[in-house]
Protein backbone atom coordinates (compact mmCIF):
# COMPACT_ATOMS: atom_id res chain seq x y z
CA MET A 1 -3.18 8.05 -18.27
CA VAL A 2 -4.90 7.67 -14.91
CA LYS A 3 -5.39 10.53 -12.45
CA VAL A 4 -4.73 9.13 -8.97
CA ALA A 5 -5.68 10.80 -5.67
CA LEU A 6 -3.65 10.03 -2.55
CA VAL A 7 -5.97 10.66 0.39
CA GLN A 8 -3.90 11.35 3.52
CA HIS A 9 -6.36 11.21 6.39
CA ASP A 10 -6.79 10.82 10.12
CA VAL A 11 -8.56 7.80 11.63
CA ALA A 12 -10.85 7.47 14.64
CA PHE A 13 -9.07 4.49 16.20
CA GLU A 14 -11.20 1.32 16.11
CA ASP A 15 -14.27 3.41 15.26
CA ALA A 16 -15.18 2.64 11.66
CA PRO A 17 -18.49 4.57 11.52
CA ALA A 18 -16.85 7.80 12.69
CA THR A 19 -13.89 7.40 10.32
CA LEU A 20 -16.04 6.56 7.30
CA ALA A 21 -18.31 9.55 7.91
CA HIS A 22 -15.18 11.71 7.95
CA LEU A 23 -13.74 10.11 4.82
CA ALA A 24 -16.82 10.22 2.59
CA PRO A 25 -16.59 13.94 1.68
CA MET A 26 -12.84 13.63 1.08
CA VAL A 27 -13.41 10.77 -1.37
CA ARG A 28 -16.24 12.61 -3.11
CA LYS A 29 -14.11 15.73 -3.46
CA ALA A 30 -11.16 13.77 -4.86
CA ALA A 31 -13.35 12.06 -7.45
CA GLY A 32 -15.10 15.35 -8.19
CA GLU A 33 -11.72 16.85 -9.07
CA GLY A 34 -11.13 14.16 -11.65
CA ALA A 35 -9.46 11.29 -9.80
CA ARG A 36 -10.09 7.92 -11.44
CA LEU A 37 -8.37 6.00 -8.65
CA VAL A 38 -8.65 7.12 -5.02
CA VAL A 39 -6.12 5.59 -2.62
CA LEU A 40 -6.82 5.56 1.12
CA THR A 41 -4.48 4.15 3.79
CA GLU A 42 -3.77 0.88 5.59
CA MET A 43 -6.69 -0.25 7.77
CA PHE A 44 -8.25 3.01 6.69
CA ALA A 45 -11.48 2.59 8.66
CA THR A 46 -10.08 1.52 12.04
CA GLY A 47 -6.39 2.30 12.23
CA PHE A 48 -3.65 -0.28 12.76
CA SER A 49 -5.46 -2.32 15.40
CA MET A 50 -4.04 -5.49 16.92
CA SER A 51 -7.51 -6.42 18.19
CA PRO A 52 -9.10 -8.16 15.20
CA GLU A 53 -11.81 -9.56 17.44
CA ARG A 54 -13.11 -5.99 17.63
CA VAL A 55 -12.42 -4.68 14.13
CA ALA A 56 -12.09 -7.52 11.59
CA GLU A 57 -14.86 -7.53 8.99
CA VAL A 58 -16.79 -10.37 7.41
CA PRO A 59 -15.22 -10.78 3.94
CA GLY A 60 -16.91 -8.46 1.48
CA ALA A 61 -19.68 -7.45 3.86
CA GLY A 62 -18.25 -5.19 6.58
CA PRO A 63 -18.55 -1.41 6.87
CA GLY A 64 -15.17 -0.70 5.24
CA ALA A 65 -15.74 -2.96 2.24
CA SER A 66 -19.27 -1.58 1.82
CA PHE A 67 -17.89 1.95 1.95
CA LEU A 68 -15.41 1.24 -0.85
CA SER A 69 -18.10 -0.35 -3.00
CA GLU A 70 -20.67 2.37 -2.40
CA MET A 71 -18.18 5.18 -3.02
CA ALA A 72 -17.02 3.53 -6.26
CA THR A 73 -20.58 3.19 -7.50
CA GLU A 74 -21.47 6.74 -6.50
CA THR A 75 -18.39 8.49 -7.88
CA GLY A 76 -17.54 6.30 -10.87
CA ALA A 77 -13.94 6.04 -9.67
CA ALA A 78 -12.03 3.04 -8.30
CA ILE A 79 -11.54 3.35 -4.52
CA CYS A 80 -8.98 1.37 -2.51
CA GLY A 81 -7.38 0.88 0.90
CA SER A 82 -6.74 -2.00 3.31
CA LEU A 83 -9.04 -3.59 5.89
CA PRO A 84 -8.78 -6.13 8.70
CA VAL A 85 -10.80 -9.09 7.42
CA GLN A 86 -11.85 -12.27 9.18
CA GLY A 87 -10.13 -15.48 8.11
CA PHE A 88 -11.92 -18.51 6.76
CA GLY A 89 -12.70 -21.32 9.19
CA LYS A 90 -10.27 -21.18 12.08
CA GLY A 91 -7.65 -19.24 10.16
CA LYS A 92 -6.30 -15.94 11.42
CA PRO A 93 -7.72 -12.69 10.05
CA VAL A 94 -5.80 -10.95 7.28
CA ASN A 95 -4.83 -7.38 6.45
CA ARG A 96 -6.41 -7.13 3.01
CA PHE A 97 -6.01 -4.43 0.38
CA VAL A 98 -9.31 -4.03 -1.49
CA CYS A 99 -9.92 -2.03 -4.65
CA ALA A 100 -13.60 -1.55 -5.55
CA PHE A 101 -14.63 -0.59 -9.07
CA PRO A 102 -17.76 1.23 -10.26
CA ASN A 103 -19.14 -1.89 -11.96
CA GLY A 104 -19.31 -3.75 -8.63
CA ARG A 105 -16.15 -5.77 -9.18
CA ALA A 106 -13.39 -5.79 -6.56
CA VAL A 107 -9.86 -7.16 -6.31
CA GLY A 108 -7.93 -8.00 -3.16
CA TYR A 109 -4.38 -8.54 -1.96
CA GLU A 110 -3.44 -9.87 1.48
CA LYS A 111 -0.38 -8.33 3.14
CA ILE A 112 2.48 -10.77 2.64
CA HIS A 113 4.69 -9.44 5.44
CA PRO A 114 2.89 -8.93 8.78
CA PHE A 115 4.74 -6.39 10.93
CA SER A 116 6.25 -8.65 13.58
CA TYR A 117 7.93 -5.72 15.36
CA ALA A 118 4.44 -4.65 16.47
CA GLY A 119 3.09 -8.19 16.86
CA GLU A 120 0.96 -8.14 13.72
CA HIS A 121 2.02 -11.71 12.89
CA GLU A 122 0.40 -12.87 16.14
CA HIS A 123 -3.00 -11.56 15.08
CA TYR A 124 -3.02 -11.59 11.27
CA ALA A 125 -1.87 -14.19 8.76
CA GLY A 126 0.45 -13.31 5.89
CA GLY A 127 -0.92 -13.51 2.37
CA PRO A 128 0.17 -16.05 -0.25
CA ARG A 129 0.69 -14.00 -3.41
CA VAL A 130 1.12 -10.64 -5.11
CA VAL A 131 -1.75 -9.36 -7.26
CA THR A 132 -1.69 -6.99 -10.24
CA PHE A 133 -4.82 -5.39 -11.70
CA ASP A 134 -5.52 -3.18 -14.69
CA TRP A 135 -7.47 0.04 -14.46
CA GLU A 136 -7.96 2.33 -17.42
CA GLY A 137 -4.86 1.17 -19.26
CA CYS A 138 -2.38 1.05 -16.37
CA ALA A 139 -1.20 -1.98 -14.42
CA PHE A 140 -1.29 -1.49 -10.64
CA THR A 141 0.32 -3.74 -8.02
CA PRO A 142 -0.70 -3.10 -4.40
CA PHE A 143 1.41 -3.57 -1.28
CA ILE A 144 0.77 -2.72 2.36
CA CYS A 145 3.05 -0.70 4.63
CA TYR A 146 5.78 -3.07 5.95
CA ASP A 147 5.93 -4.74 2.52
CA LEU A 148 7.82 -1.63 1.42
CA ARG A 149 10.95 -2.90 3.21
CA PHE A 150 11.11 -6.08 1.09
CA ALA A 151 12.51 -5.10 -2.29
CA ASP A 152 12.42 -8.62 -3.70
CA ALA A 153 8.61 -8.69 -3.64
CA PHE A 154 8.55 -5.57 -5.81
CA TRP A 155 11.26 -6.93 -8.13
CA GLN A 156 9.30 -10.09 -8.88
CA VAL A 157 6.43 -8.17 -10.48
CA ALA A 158 8.29 -5.19 -11.95
CA GLN A 159 7.91 -6.27 -15.58
CA ARG A 160 4.13 -6.37 -15.29
CA THR A 161 3.72 -3.22 -13.14
CA ASP A 162 3.29 0.41 -14.15
CA CYS A 163 2.46 1.69 -10.67
CA TYR A 164 2.90 0.26 -7.17
CA LEU A 165 0.26 1.29 -4.64
CA VAL A 166 1.49 1.25 -1.03
CA VAL A 167 -1.10 1.94 1.67
CA SER A 168 0.40 2.56 5.10
CA ASN A 169 0.15 3.35 8.79
CA TRP A 170 3.87 4.22 9.02
CA PRO A 171 4.99 5.63 12.38
CA ALA A 172 6.40 9.15 12.61
CA SER A 173 9.50 7.82 14.37
CA ARG A 174 10.62 6.15 11.12
CA GLN A 175 9.20 8.65 8.67
CA GLU A 176 12.45 9.06 6.70
CA HIS A 177 12.49 5.32 6.00
CA PHE A 178 9.03 5.58 4.42
CA ARG A 179 10.19 8.34 2.10
CA ALA A 180 13.54 6.78 1.19
CA LEU A 181 12.10 3.33 0.53
CA SER A 182 9.28 4.70 -1.62
CA ILE A 183 11.78 6.50 -3.82
CA ALA A 184 14.08 3.47 -3.94
CA ARG A 185 11.28 1.12 -5.05
CA ALA A 186 10.45 3.51 -7.91
CA ILE A 187 14.06 3.88 -9.06
CA GLU A 188 15.00 0.21 -8.96
CA ASN A 189 11.83 -0.95 -10.73
CA GLN A 190 11.36 2.00 -13.10
CA ALA A 191 7.73 2.31 -12.10
CA TYR A 192 5.51 4.80 -10.28
CA VAL A 193 5.14 4.44 -6.53
CA VAL A 194 2.03 5.94 -4.96
CA ALA A 195 2.37 5.62 -1.18
CA THR A 196 -0.25 6.90 1.24
CA ASN A 197 0.19 7.27 4.99
CA ARG A 198 -2.20 8.34 7.72
CA VAL A 199 -1.88 11.31 10.06
CA GLY A 200 -2.85 11.75 13.71
CA SER A 201 -2.48 9.12 16.42
CA GLY A 202 -3.95 5.75 17.24
CA GLY A 203 -3.11 2.87 19.55
CA GLY A 204 -0.42 4.96 21.21
CA VAL A 205 1.44 5.64 17.93
CA GLN A 206 1.97 8.98 16.18
CA TYR A 207 1.72 9.25 12.41
CA ALA A 208 3.19 12.08 10.33
CA GLY A 209 1.69 11.53 6.89
CA GLY A 210 4.28 12.31 4.23
CA SER A 211 2.30 10.53 1.51
CA ILE A 212 4.36 10.56 -1.65
CA ALA A 213 4.07 9.97 -5.40
CA VAL A 214 7.27 9.05 -7.25
CA GLY A 215 7.78 8.74 -11.00
CA PRO A 216 9.52 5.87 -12.83
CA PHE A 217 12.80 7.80 -13.02
CA GLY A 218 12.76 8.42 -9.27
CA GLU A 219 11.40 11.95 -9.51
CA VAL A 220 9.16 13.09 -6.63
CA LEU A 221 5.89 14.17 -8.27
CA GLY A 222 4.08 15.18 -5.10
CA GLU A 223 4.56 14.97 -1.35
CA ALA A 224 2.24 15.75 1.54
CA GLY A 225 3.01 17.32 4.88
CA ALA A 226 1.85 16.16 8.30
CA GLU A 227 -1.82 17.20 8.06
CA GLU A 228 -4.80 15.84 6.18
CA GLU A 229 -4.35 16.44 2.47
CA VAL A 230 -5.23 15.06 -0.95
CA LEU A 231 -2.46 14.79 -3.56
CA PHE A 232 -3.06 14.19 -7.25
CA VAL A 233 -0.71 12.52 -9.70
CA ASP A 234 -1.10 11.40 -13.32
CA VAL A 235 0.13 7.83 -13.89
CA SER A 236 1.05 6.91 -17.45
CA ALA A 237 1.93 3.45 -18.76
CA GLY A 238 3.52 5.21 -21.71
CA ARG A 239 5.91 7.08 -19.43
CA VAL A 240 6.98 3.81 -17.79
CA ALA A 241 7.63 2.24 -21.19
CA GLU A 242 9.59 5.32 -22.26
CA VAL A 243 11.88 5.21 -19.20
CA ARG A 244 12.45 1.48 -19.51
CA ALA A 245 13.27 1.78 -23.23
CA ALA A 246 15.75 4.61 -22.63
CA TYR A 247 17.38 2.86 -19.66
CA PRO A 248 16.87 -0.93 -20.09
CA PHE A 249 18.08 -1.81 -16.61
CA LEU A 250 15.38 -4.37 -15.79
CA SER A 251 16.61 -6.72 -18.50
CA ASP A 252 19.90 -7.05 -16.59
CA ARG A 253 18.22 -8.31 -13.41
CA ARG A 254 19.27 -11.90 -12.76
CA ALA A 255 18.25 -14.63 -10.39
CA PHE A 256 21.24 -15.97 -8.49
CA SER A 257 22.21 -18.36 -5.74
CA VAL A 258 24.22 -17.49 -2.67
CA ALA A 259 27.31 -19.53 -1.88
CA PRO A 260 27.63 -20.85 1.68
CA GLY A 261 29.46 -18.45 3.98
CA PRO A 262 32.66 -19.33 5.74
CA GLY A 263 32.38 -21.65 8.72
CA PRO A 264 33.22 -20.62 12.27
CA THR A 265 36.76 -19.42 12.88
CA PRO A 266 38.81 -22.34 14.22
CA THR A 267 39.81 -22.06 17.85
CA PRO A 268 43.60 -21.59 18.08
CA GLN A 269 45.35 -24.60 19.47
CA LEU A 270 47.59 -23.86 22.44
CA GLY A 271 50.78 -25.68 23.37
């Protein structure tokens, strides 16, 4: 069993030093209360900025990545969130989830689905693959914000996942979607969903928090309000196995093809 802390926090927009100074005591407190995995938000140090020339970090060496590594070493917990990271060569930057471990190791996942509605695809490249990592006996698969709308990405890794981690900057105007989709991803994959969201405002967008932890039977285990808050949830691989054994729905999931749709309706002939 892994005790996970969902850190719902505000962000000083495009000001990583100010945000990280604010976050450090929250992370220390979460780990001090027993969390073995501390989950921050999407672009946790800068907010959801579409100006990567100002905020994107050198891979593995920027202030956000250093913060995760230093906090993991200091607290003995794994610490994660996403960061804008410079691309290699002439490639676009990426929105990268990073989880840092106390032994100095780190794993990363690059957001597969850039949020085109806000122009993210114009500034950040989509990632190539889903990643799953093990921490203290549980298998975690990370996703980032807009990924939550794409059920098929979650389906593809359900069999190997005990808990999905979803780090977000999800706007207040679509808050109910965030909640509903988080619960749906847990129910349909019989896995935990731990979804963090920021509060406050940045880049002209309001955020209402609502971070949520959902169990593998779809039960809401904890839910935050609209202010800064830390939620705790125990994640158990045994509980996932128990639910899947009692209700073996995943074994009925099938790949299928889609038949061509009907052609255009013929234009009536007159005369």
